[in-house]
Amino acid sequence: MIDIDTVPLQIALGSHLPEPDESIARMITSGRSSLAFLLGDEACRYRLLAGAINWDRVLIAYRDRTPLGYAAFKHHRRGPFSPGAGPFLREFGRLRGALRYLLFAIIEGREWYYGFYLYGLHVIKHARHQGIARSLMAAIFDQARQAGHDRVALEVQVKNQRARRLYEQLGFSRVRATPVNWLGRLLPFPAVINMRRSLTSQP
C-alpha cells in the first residue's frame, strides 16, 4: 500500500484533469459557507452549482489522484461558477428561486472590480499543516501572472484569524476593513478585510 503522504503533491487546473469526479465537485461547491443563508447547506450548494463549474478557474491539489484541496479564482469577469437561473428555480420555486438567483448574481458581480481575485481556498482537514495551502497560493500567483495581472486581491472574514495569518505570511497587506458593506445592510454578510498582494515584490 502506498503511503499517500510520501507521494509528491500535484496541482492542476480542473480543466486539465481527465474528468473531474463528483468528490472534487462536492469539495468545490462546499465553499461559500458565508452564503448559506442564500445558497443553503452543502448538499443544496452542490445541486445549485455542480453543473456550472468553470474548471479553468479552479486549481486542484492532489496526491495519487486523491483531491486534498482547491483554490478558485476570478478574472475578466469569469469565476468558478456560472449557474443559470434554472437550478435556483427548481430548488426554491419560481419566486424565491428568481430572487435568490438575482441576489447571487449581484454578489458575484460585486467582485468584478478586482483585477485578479482569490475566490476561495480550502484544504481538507486531514491534509492541513502540510504546506498545501501555500502551494496552491503559489499556483494562484502563477495563474495571475499568466493572465497579465500584477497583483492578487482577496477578502477574508475578520474572525478567520488562521486565514489572515496565512495571507499575511504570503505577503498580502490589508487594504481596508468592511464591517458592514452595502449588501450587509440588507443581508447577513460577515465583516471582511480586503487584502492585496503585489506580484512584483516578494513577501
Foldseek 3Di string as FASTA:
>chain_A
DDDQVPFDKDKDQQVPDPDDDPVVLLQVQQPPVLCCVLQNHSVSSSLQWSVFFPSRQKMFIDTPPHTFWIWGKDAPLDTGGDGDLVSLCVVPNDPSSVVSVVVVVVVSVVPHVFHMETPDIDGDDVPPPPCPRVVNVVVSLVVCVVVPHFKYKYKDAPPCPVVVVVVVVFAKDWDAKCCADPVNVPDVGGTITMIMHGNVDGD
